[in-house]
Amino acid sequence: MKKYSIFIIQFVVLVLMVPTIVAQSNQNTRFIFESGAIIRGDTTIKDLALVFTGDEFGDGADFISAVLSEKKIKASFFLTGNFYRNPDFKNVLKKLKKNGNYLGSHSDKHLLYCDWENRDSLLVTRKEFTDDLLNSYIAMKPFGINKEDALYYMPPYEWYNDTIAAWTAGLGLHLINFSPGTRSNADYTYPEMEKRYIGSDDIYSYIIKYEKEKYSGLNGFILLVHIGTDARRTDKFYHKLPALISELKSKGYRFVRIDKLLEK
């Protein structure tokens, strides 16, 4: 009877573990995941994806587009429906697409999905999430971008949880986020934020230091920069991109689109 009871317990534990085992088997082991989102590609290959997010600000768009063309590299842009609908950005969006860059969604209205302090606490329903996300693809259609052309999705505020990841997968999309460690995502800060503010020279130094000190450098990295920032930040990090791209190229890195970086 004792052996039978142990068998039953082991069987129940195995059944409960099946969803986890299946989920893990569906994740590409070459990539790094956090809360269901891919946050880094293959760390054995010197490829990285330069990605830009944007909602209301796009002051760097023309400069960034020109730098990418000059350096002959492709980048990936995750923009909100608000951004795609803004007539001020229409021409540069067409140029970015024509030049072969990846254009994807960053939600429609830039909703905050979960609480900053309690990540498990959702601030949106599944319907609100779904309706908003699908609306962003409607905003992308005038630029010739269909859902199947943009299956990678960067959440607004780069903030999400396991539930958001599951809902994203339910729509046939792949949730991604930036690779942490370089503080490049802090390029949106401005001096009035006081201790939270990080200047562009410091961000540049953090990136180079990370590349130098970490065993895998920036291999497989998803390096996030904002396509525009609040006017109160006059020290725009995107002006550092020409030097950064040249320095990383000299170290043997290749800049690739997100879909190339995360090829199965």
C-alpha atoms as a PDB file:
ATOM      1  CA  MET A   1       0.000   0.000   0.000  1.00  0.00           C
ATOM      2  CA  LYS A   2       2.867   2.348   0.848  1.00  0.00           C
ATOM      3  CA  LYS A   3       4.525   1.786  -2.563  1.00  0.00           C
ATOM      4  CA  TYR A   4       1.167   2.324  -4.277  1.00  0.00           C
ATOM      5  CA  SER A   5       0.682   5.658  -2.448  1.00  0.00           C
ATOM      6  CA  ILE A   6       4.166   6.801  -3.465  1.00  0.00           C
ATOM      7  CA  PHE A   7       3.392   5.904  -7.095  1.00  0.00           C
ATOM      8  CA  ILE A   8       0.160   7.932  -6.974  1.00  0.00           C
ATOM      9  CA  ILE A   9       1.999  10.946  -5.558  1.00  0.00           C
ATOM     10  CA  GLN A  10       4.704  10.714  -8.216  1.00  0.00           C
ATOM     11  CA  PHE A  11       2.078  10.398 -10.953  1.00  0.00           C
ATOM     12  CA  VAL A  12       0.190  13.484  -9.730  1.00  0.00           C
ATOM     13  CA  VAL A  13       3.406  15.516  -9.545  1.00  0.00           C
ATOM     14  CA  LEU A  14       4.308  14.475 -13.105  1.00  0.00           C
ATOM     15  CA  VAL A  15       0.867  15.492 -14.407  1.00  0.00           C
ATOM     16  CA  LEU A  16       1.171  18.870 -12.731  1.00  0.00           C
ATOM     17  CA  MET A  17       4.600  19.364 -14.299  1.00  0.00           C
ATOM     18  CA  VAL A  18       3.490  18.599 -17.869  1.00  0.00           C
ATOM     19  CA  PRO A  19       2.429  22.182 -18.788  1.00  0.00           C
ATOM     20  CA  THR A  20       5.802  23.481 -17.579  1.00  0.00           C
ATOM     21  CA  ILE A  21       7.698  20.809 -19.475  1.00  0.00           C
ATOM     22  CA  VAL A  22       5.751  21.543 -22.668  1.00  0.00           C
ATOM     23  CA  ALA A  23       6.273  25.290 -22.299  1.00  0.00           C
ATOM     24  CA  GLN A  24       9.992  24.824 -21.812  1.00  0.00           C
ATOM     25  CA  SER A  25      10.224  22.521 -24.814  1.00  0.00           C
ATOM     26  CA  ASN A  26       8.609  25.197 -26.972  1.00  0.00           C
ATOM     27  CA  GLN A  27      11.266  27.742 -26.023  1.00  0.00           C
ATOM     28  CA  ASN A  28      14.378  27.878 -28.154  1.00  0.00           C
ATOM     29  CA  THR A  29      17.188  26.971 -25.769  1.00  0.00           C
ATOM     30  CA  ARG A  30      19.622  29.182 -27.720  1.00  0.00           C
ATOM     31  CA  PHE A  31      17.730  32.224 -26.477  1.00  0.00           C
ATOM     32  CA  ILE A  32      17.298  33.786 -23.041  1.00  0.00           C
ATOM     33  CA  PHE A  33      13.773  34.279 -21.702  1.00  0.00           C
ATOM     34  CA  GLU A  34      12.284  36.304 -18.871  1.00  0.00           C
ATOM     35  CA  SER A  35       8.640  35.910 -17.829  1.00  0.00           C
ATOM     36  CA  GLY A  36       7.817  34.362 -21.196  1.00  0.00           C
ATOM     37  CA  ALA A  37       9.513  36.994 -23.386  1.00  0.00           C
ATOM     38  CA  ILE A  38      12.733  36.598 -25.357  1.00  0.00           C
ATOM     39  CA  ILE A  39      15.268  39.059 -23.960  1.00  0.00           C
ATOM     40  CA  ARG A  40      18.391  37.882 -25.780  1.00  0.00           C
ATOM     41  CA  GLY A  41      19.350  35.824 -28.805  1.00  0.00           C
ATOM     42  CA  ASP A  42      22.179  33.346 -29.307  1.00  0.00           C
ATOM     43  CA  THR A  43      25.111  34.396 -27.098  1.00  0.00           C
ATOM     44  CA  THR A  44      27.601  32.381 -29.168  1.00  0.00           C
ATOM     45  CA  ILE A  45      27.202  34.555 -32.281  1.00  0.00           C
ATOM     46  CA  LYS A  46      28.391  38.169 -32.635  1.00  0.00           C
ATOM     47  CA  ASP A  47      25.058  39.431 -33.932  1.00  0.00           C
ATOM     48  CA  LEU A  48      22.990  42.070 -32.166  1.00  0.00           C
ATOM     49  CA  ALA A  49      19.745  43.850 -32.911  1.00  0.00           C
ATOM     50  CA  LEU A  50      19.516  47.603 -32.543  1.00  0.00           C
ATOM     51  CA  VAL A  51      15.867  48.294 -31.677  1.00  0.00           C
ATOM     52  CA  PHE A  52      13.975  51.545 -31.292  1.00  0.00           C
ATOM     53  CA  THR A  53      10.681  52.139 -29.509  1.00  0.00           C
ATOM     54  CA  GLY A  54       8.453  55.162 -29.834  1.00  0.00           C
ATOM     55  CA  ASP A  55       5.056  56.583 -28.935  1.00  0.00           C
ATOM     56  CA  GLU A  56       4.580  60.343 -28.808  1.00  0.00           C
ATOM     57  CA  PHE A  57       8.153  61.459 -29.490  1.00  0.00           C
ATOM     58  CA  GLY A  58       9.970  60.992 -32.801  1.00  0.00           C
ATOM     59  CA  ASP A  59      12.531  63.785 -32.866  1.00  0.00           C
ATOM     60  CA  GLY A  60      15.362  61.378 -33.672  1.00  0.00           C
ATOM     61  CA  ALA A  61      13.638  59.522 -36.507  1.00  0.00           C
ATOM     62  CA  ASP A  62      15.205  61.345 -39.465  1.00  0.00           C
ATOM     63  CA  PHE A  63      18.671  61.366 -37.897  1.00  0.00           C
ATOM     64  CA  ILE A  64      18.471  57.654 -37.048  1.00  0.00           C
ATOM     65  CA  SER A  65      17.246  56.788 -40.548  1.00  0.00           C
ATOM     66  CA  ALA A  66      20.183  58.657 -42.094  1.00  0.00           C
ATOM     67  CA  VAL A  67      22.705  56.964 -39.765  1.00  0.00           C
ATOM     68  CA  LEU A  68      21.398  53.489 -40.610  1.00  0.00           C
ATOM     69  CA  SER A  69      21.699  54.223 -44.324  1.00  0.00           C
ATOM     70  CA  GLU A  70      25.174  55.685 -43.954  1.00  0.00           C
ATOM     71  CA  LYS A  71      26.387  52.724 -41.879  1.00  0.00           C
ATOM     72  CA  LYS A  72      24.608  50.248 -44.175  1.00  0.00           C
ATOM     73  CA  ILE A  73      22.844  48.390 -41.383  1.00  0.00           C
ATOM     74  CA  LYS A  74      19.259  47.421 -40.618  1.00  0.00           C
ATOM     75  CA  ALA A  75      17.463  48.085 -37.346  1.00  0.00           C
ATOM     76  CA  SER A  76      14.073  47.248 -35.855  1.00  0.00           C
ATOM     77  CA  PHE A  77      11.399  49.740 -34.844  1.00  0.00           C
ATOM     78  CA  PHE A  78       8.578  49.009 -32.404  1.00  0.00           C
ATOM     79  CA  LEU A  79       6.121  51.871 -32.548  1.00  0.00           C
ATOM     80  CA  THR A  80       2.640  52.522 -31.228  1.00  0.00           C
ATOM     81  CA  GLY A  81      -0.479  53.103 -33.257  1.00  0.00           C
ATOM     82  CA  ASN A  82      -0.222  56.698 -32.024  1.00  0.00           C
ATOM     83  CA  PHE A  83       3.147  56.955 -33.776  1.00  0.00           C
ATOM     84  CA  TYR A  84       2.001  55.302 -37.018  1.00  0.00           C
ATOM     85  CA  ARG A  85      -1.029  57.609 -37.211  1.00  0.00           C
ATOM     86  CA  ASN A  86       0.978  60.787 -36.614  1.00  0.00           C
ATOM     87  CA  PRO A  87       1.238  62.615 -39.985  1.00  0.00           C
ATOM     88  CA  ASP A  88       4.553  64.158 -38.910  1.00  0.00           C
ATOM     89  CA  PHE A  89       6.177  60.718 -39.032  1.00  0.00           C
ATOM     90  CA  LYS A  90       4.612  59.452 -42.254  1.00  0.00           C
ATOM     91  CA  ASN A  91       7.546  60.185 -44.574  1.00  0.00           C
ATOM     92  CA  VAL A  92      10.263  58.806 -42.323  1.00  0.00           C
ATOM     93  CA  LEU A  93       8.266  55.633 -41.688  1.00  0.00           C
ATOM     94  CA  LYS A  94       8.003  55.060 -45.427  1.00  0.00           C
ATOM     95  CA  LYS A  95      11.743  55.620 -45.755  1.00  0.00           C
ATOM     96  CA  LEU A  96      12.576  53.211 -42.913  1.00  0.00           C
ATOM     97  CA  LYS A  97      10.445  50.504 -44.492  1.00  0.00           C
ATOM     98  CA  LYS A  98      11.804  51.130 -47.992  1.00  0.00           C
ATOM     99  CA  ASN A  99      15.344  50.786 -46.649  1.00  0.00           C
ATOM    100  CA  GLY A 100      14.588  47.322 -45.293  1.00  0.00           C
ATOM    101  CA  ASN A 101      14.243  47.986 -41.583  1.00  0.00           C
ATOM    102  CA  TYR A 102      11.855  45.954 -39.442  1.00  0.00           C
ATOM    103  CA  LEU A 103       8.679  47.784 -38.401  1.00  0.00           C
ATOM    104  CA  GLY A 104       6.597  46.259 -35.626  1.00  0.00           C
ATOM    105  CA  SER A 105       4.093  47.059 -32.913  1.00  0.00           C
ATOM    106  CA  HIS A 106       4.574  48.639 -29.492  1.00  0.00           C
ATOM    107  CA  SER A 107       0.806  48.514 -28.744  1.00  0.00           C
ATOM    108  CA  ASP A 108      -1.736  51.038 -29.975  1.00  0.00           C
ATOM    109  CA  LYS A 109      -2.235  53.466 -27.079  1.00  0.00           C
ATOM    110  CA  HIS A 110       0.887  52.652 -25.009  1.00  0.00           C
ATOM    111  CA  LEU A 111      -1.040  51.065 -22.153  1.00  0.00           C
ATOM    112  CA  LEU A 112       0.585  50.114 -18.874  1.00  0.00           C
ATOM    113  CA  TYR A 113      -0.168  46.393 -18.564  1.00  0.00           C
ATOM    114  CA  CYS A 114       0.811  45.706 -14.974  1.00  0.00           C
ATOM    115  CA  ASP A 115       1.622  47.481 -11.745  1.00  0.00           C
ATOM    116  CA  TRP A 116       5.174  48.818 -11.373  1.00  0.00           C
ATOM    117  CA  GLU A 117       5.505  47.547  -7.819  1.00  0.00           C
ATOM    118  CA  ASN A 118       3.433  44.361  -8.061  1.00  0.00           C
ATOM    119  CA  ARG A 119       4.221  42.903 -11.465  1.00  0.00           C
ATOM    120  CA  ASP A 120       1.624  40.146 -11.092  1.00  0.00           C
ATOM    121  CA  SER A 121      -1.152  42.727 -10.753  1.00  0.00           C
ATOM    122  CA  LEU A 122      -2.697  43.306 -14.191  1.00  0.00           C
ATOM    123  CA  LEU A 123      -4.086  46.726 -15.091  1.00  0.00           C
ATOM    124  CA  VAL A 124      -5.838  45.572 -18.293  1.00  0.00           C
ATOM    125  CA  THR A 125      -8.320  42.835 -19.163  1.00  0.00           C
ATOM    126  CA  ARG A 126      -7.568  40.335 -21.899  1.00  0.00           C
ATOM    127  CA  LYS A 127     -10.117  42.060 -24.152  1.00  0.00           C
ATOM    128  CA  GLU A 128      -8.530  45.475 -23.569  1.00  0.00           C
ATOM    129  CA  PHE A 129      -5.119  44.027 -24.303  1.00  0.00           C
ATOM    130  CA  THR A 130      -6.275  42.238 -27.457  1.00  0.00           C
ATOM    131  CA  ASP A 131      -8.332  45.109 -28.866  1.00  0.00           C
ATOM    132  CA  ASP A 132      -5.501  47.577 -28.311  1.00  0.00           C
ATOM    133  CA  LEU A 133      -2.851  45.353 -29.859  1.00  0.00           C
ATOM    134  CA  LEU A 134      -4.929  44.501 -32.927  1.00  0.00           C
ATOM    135  CA  ASN A 135      -5.716  48.195 -33.401  1.00  0.00           C
ATOM    136  CA  SER A 136      -2.000  48.875 -33.705  1.00  0.00           C
ATOM    137  CA  TYR A 137      -1.841  46.522 -36.686  1.00  0.00           C
ATOM    138  CA  ILE A 138      -4.685  48.445 -38.298  1.00  0.00           C
ATOM    139  CA  ALA A 139      -2.560  51.594 -37.920  1.00  0.00           C
ATOM    140  CA  MET A 140       0.362  49.796 -39.600  1.00  0.00           C
ATOM    141  CA  LYS A 141      -1.604  48.676 -42.662  1.00  0.00           C
ATOM    142  CA  PRO A 142      -1.326  51.977 -44.588  1.00  0.00           C
ATOM    143  CA  PHE A 143       2.446  51.387 -44.598  1.00  0.00           C
ATOM    144  CA  GLY A 144       2.023  47.956 -46.148  1.00  0.00           C
ATOM    145  CA  ILE A 145       2.744  46.130 -42.878  1.00  0.00           C
ATOM    146  CA  ASN A 146       0.574  43.113 -42.153  1.00  0.00           C
ATOM    147  CA  LYS A 147       0.499  41.088 -38.967  1.00  0.00           C
ATOM    148  CA  GLU A 148       2.465  38.235 -40.563  1.00  0.00           C
ATOM    149  CA  ASP A 149       5.191  40.768 -41.451  1.00  0.00           C
ATOM    150  CA  ALA A 150       5.607  41.828 -37.821  1.00  0.00           C
ATOM    151  CA  LEU A 151       5.262  38.821 -35.526  1.00  0.00           C
ATOM    152  CA  TYR A 152       7.687  40.121 -32.894  1.00  0.00           C
ATOM    153  CA  TYR A 153       6.083  42.407 -30.331  1.00  0.00           C
ATOM    154  CA  MET A 154       7.700  44.794 -27.844  1.00  0.00           C
ATOM    155  CA  PRO A 155       5.317  45.686 -24.965  1.00  0.00           C
ATOM    156  CA  PRO A 156       4.681  49.310 -23.986  1.00  0.00           C
ATOM    157  CA  TYR A 157       7.007  50.620 -21.276  1.00  0.00           C
ATOM    158  CA  GLU A 158       8.921  47.358 -21.862  1.00  0.00           C
ATOM    159  CA  TRP A 159       6.903  46.069 -18.895  1.00  0.00           C
ATOM    160  CA  TYR A 160       4.845  42.883 -18.849  1.00  0.00           C
ATOM    161  CA  ASN A 161       4.336  39.598 -16.993  1.00  0.00           C
ATOM    162  CA  ASP A 162       3.717  35.910 -17.706  1.00  0.00           C
ATOM    163  CA  THR A 163       0.042  36.526 -18.443  1.00  0.00           C
ATOM    164  CA  ILE A 164       0.828  39.177 -21.061  1.00  0.00           C
ATOM    165  CA  ALA A 165       3.326  36.771 -22.622  1.00  0.00           C
ATOM    166  CA  ALA A 166       0.652  34.056 -22.794  1.00  0.00           C
ATOM    167  CA  TRP A 167      -1.930  36.437 -24.292  1.00  0.00           C
ATOM    168  CA  THR A 168       0.627  37.585 -26.883  1.00  0.00           C
ATOM    169  CA  ALA A 169       1.370  33.982 -27.854  1.00  0.00           C
ATOM    170  CA  GLY A 170      -2.378  33.375 -28.124  1.00  0.00           C
ATOM    171  CA  LEU A 171      -2.457  35.965 -30.905  1.00  0.00           C
ATOM    172  CA  GLY A 172       0.328  34.174 -32.769  1.00  0.00           C
ATOM    173  CA  LEU A 173       2.949  36.772 -31.818  1.00  0.00           C
ATOM    174  CA  HIS A 174       6.340  36.532 -30.107  1.00  0.00           C
ATOM    175  CA  LEU A 175       6.853  38.756 -27.084  1.00  0.00           C
ATOM    176  CA  ILE A 176      10.340  40.256 -26.809  1.00  0.00           C
ATOM    177  CA  ASN A 177      12.086  42.736 -24.546  1.00  0.00           C
ATOM    178  CA  PHE A 178      15.463  44.478 -24.400  1.00  0.00           C
ATOM    179  CA  SER A 179      18.545  42.771 -23.035  1.00  0.00           C
ATOM    180  CA  PRO A 180      19.301  44.247 -19.583  1.00  0.00           C
ATOM    181  CA  GLY A 181      22.655  45.464 -18.339  1.00  0.00           C
ATOM    182  CA  THR A 182      23.764  48.403 -20.492  1.00  0.00           C
ATOM    183  CA  ARG A 183      21.231  51.016 -19.307  1.00  0.00           C
ATOM    184  CA  SER A 184      20.668  52.107 -22.908  1.00  0.00           C
ATOM    185  CA  ASN A 185      16.929  52.099 -22.149  1.00  0.00           C
ATOM    186  CA  ALA A 186      17.474  55.057 -19.784  1.00  0.00           C
ATOM    187  CA  ASP A 187      18.036  57.387 -22.733  1.00  0.00           C
ATOM    188  CA  TYR A 188      14.497  58.744 -22.190  1.00  0.00           C
ATOM    189  CA  THR A 189      15.399  60.335 -18.828  1.00  0.00           C
ATOM    190  CA  TYR A 190      15.926  64.086 -18.374  1.00  0.00           C
ATOM    191  CA  PRO A 191      17.629  66.215 -15.700  1.00  0.00           C
ATOM    192  CA  GLU A 192      14.415  67.013 -13.835  1.00  0.00           C
ATOM    193  CA  MET A 193      14.210  63.317 -12.945  1.00  0.00           C
ATOM    194  CA  GLU A 194      17.231  63.950 -10.741  1.00  0.00           C
ATOM    195  CA  LYS A 195      18.798  60.647  -9.596  1.00  0.00           C
ATOM    196  CA  ARG A 196      17.051  58.706 -12.379  1.00  0.00           C
ATOM    197  CA  TYR A 197      18.683  60.824 -15.081  1.00  0.00           C
ATOM    198  CA  ILE A 198      21.599  59.261 -16.967  1.00  0.00           C
ATOM    199  CA  GLY A 199      23.571  61.304 -19.454  1.00  0.00           C
ATOM    200  CA  SER A 200      24.440  60.043 -22.925  1.00  0.00           C
ATOM    201  CA  ASP A 201      28.174  59.832 -22.272  1.00  0.00           C
ATOM    202  CA  ASP A 202      27.476  57.612 -19.270  1.00  0.00           C
ATOM    203  CA  ILE A 203      25.109  55.373 -21.263  1.00  0.00           C
ATOM    204  CA  TYR A 204      27.748  54.996 -23.970  1.00  0.00           C
ATOM    205  CA  SER A 205      30.308  54.044 -21.335  1.00  0.00           C
ATOM    206  CA  TYR A 206      27.956  51.496 -19.756  1.00  0.00           C
ATOM    207  CA  ILE A 207      27.475  49.784 -23.138  1.00  0.00           C
ATOM    208  CA  ILE A 208      31.192  49.591 -23.875  1.00  0.00           C
ATOM    209  CA  LYS A 209      31.980  48.440 -20.335  1.00  0.00           C
ATOM    210  CA  TYR A 210      29.366  45.684 -20.542  1.00  0.00           C
ATOM    211  CA  GLU A 211      30.754  44.502 -23.872  1.00  0.00           C
ATOM    212  CA  LYS A 212      34.281  44.432 -22.513  1.00  0.00           C
ATOM    213  CA  GLU A 213      33.627  42.784 -19.148  1.00  0.00           C
ATOM    214  CA  LYS A 214      30.966  40.166 -19.905  1.00  0.00           C
ATOM    215  CA  TYR A 215      32.078  36.785 -21.217  1.00  0.00           C
ATOM    216  CA  SER A 216      29.598  36.848 -24.122  1.00  0.00           C
ATOM    217  CA  GLY A 217      29.933  40.577 -24.695  1.00  0.00           C
ATOM    218  CA  LEU A 218      26.930  41.844 -26.631  1.00  0.00           C
ATOM    219  CA  ASN A 219      26.390  38.582 -28.523  1.00  0.00           C
ATOM    220  CA  GLY A 220      22.686  38.080 -29.250  1.00  0.00           C
ATOM    221  CA  PHE A 221      21.879  41.410 -27.631  1.00  0.00           C
ATOM    222  CA  ILE A 222      18.637  43.344 -28.101  1.00  0.00           C
ATOM    223  CA  LEU A 223      19.938  46.879 -27.609  1.00  0.00           C
ATOM    224  CA  LEU A 224      17.133  49.367 -26.983  1.00  0.00           C
ATOM    225  CA  VAL A 225      17.219  53.068 -27.857  1.00  0.00           C
ATOM    226  CA  HIS A 226      14.252  55.449 -28.072  1.00  0.00           C
ATOM    227  CA  ILE A 227      13.404  57.028 -31.416  1.00  0.00           C
ATOM    228  CA  GLY A 228      12.551  60.268 -29.650  1.00  0.00           C
ATOM    229  CA  THR A 229      12.505  61.738 -26.151  1.00  0.00           C
ATOM    230  CA  ASP A 230      11.032  64.545 -24.106  1.00  0.00           C
ATOM    231  CA  ALA A 231      12.350  67.989 -25.095  1.00  0.00           C
ATOM    232  CA  ARG A 232      13.654  68.386 -21.540  1.00  0.00           C
ATOM    233  CA  ARG A 233      16.373  65.923 -22.491  1.00  0.00           C
ATOM    234  CA  THR A 234      18.645  67.970 -24.713  1.00  0.00           C
ATOM    235  CA  ASP A 235      21.444  65.399 -24.471  1.00  0.00           C
ATOM    236  CA  LYS A 236      20.038  62.992 -27.061  1.00  0.00           C
ATOM    237  CA  PHE A 237      21.651  59.567 -26.981  1.00  0.00           C
ATOM    238  CA  TYR A 238      20.804  58.815 -30.601  1.00  0.00           C
ATOM    239  CA  HIS A 239      23.497  61.352 -31.561  1.00  0.00           C
ATOM    240  CA  LYS A 240      25.998  58.825 -30.168  1.00  0.00           C
ATOM    241  CA  LEU A 241      24.889  56.108 -32.574  1.00  0.00           C
ATOM    242  CA  PRO A 242      27.396  56.790 -35.392  1.00  0.00           C
ATOM    243  CA  ALA A 243      30.327  56.370 -33.002  1.00  0.00           C
ATOM    244  CA  LEU A 244      28.747  53.411 -31.203  1.00  0.00           C
ATOM    245  CA  ILE A 245      27.978  51.535 -34.409  1.00  0.00           C
ATOM    246  CA  SER A 246      31.499  52.100 -35.729  1.00  0.00           C
ATOM    247  CA  GLU A 247      33.099  50.963 -32.470  1.00  0.00           C
ATOM    248  CA  LEU A 248      31.041  47.797 -32.226  1.00  0.00           C
ATOM    249  CA  LYS A 249      31.605  46.991 -35.898  1.00  0.00           C
ATOM    250  CA  SER A 250      35.346  47.288 -35.281  1.00  0.00           C
ATOM    251  CA  LYS A 251      34.939  44.620 -32.594  1.00  0.00           C
ATOM    252  CA  GLY A 252      33.379  42.243 -35.108  1.00  0.00           C
ATOM    253  CA  TYR A 253      29.689  42.703 -34.334  1.00  0.00           C
ATOM    254  CA  ARG A 254      27.030  42.510 -37.029  1.00  0.00           C
ATOM    255  CA  PHE A 255      23.856  44.581 -36.721  1.00  0.00           C
ATOM    256  CA  VAL A 256      20.827  42.556 -37.827  1.00  0.00           C
ATOM    257  CA  ARG A 257      17.045  42.885 -37.756  1.00  0.00           C
ATOM    258  CA  ILE A 258      15.208  41.305 -34.852  1.00  0.00           C
ATOM    259  CA  ASP A 259      13.711  38.598 -37.051  1.00  0.00           C
ATOM    260  CA  LYS A 260      17.194  37.649 -38.269  1.00  0.00           C
ATOM    261  CA  LEU A 261      18.589  37.649 -34.727  1.00  0.00           C
ATOM    262  CA  LEU A 262      15.826  35.352 -33.499  1.00  0.00           C
ATOM    263  CA  GLU A 263      15.579  33.037 -36.477  1.00  0.00           C
ATOM    264  CA  LYS A 264      14.470  29.564 -35.379  1.00  0.00           C
END
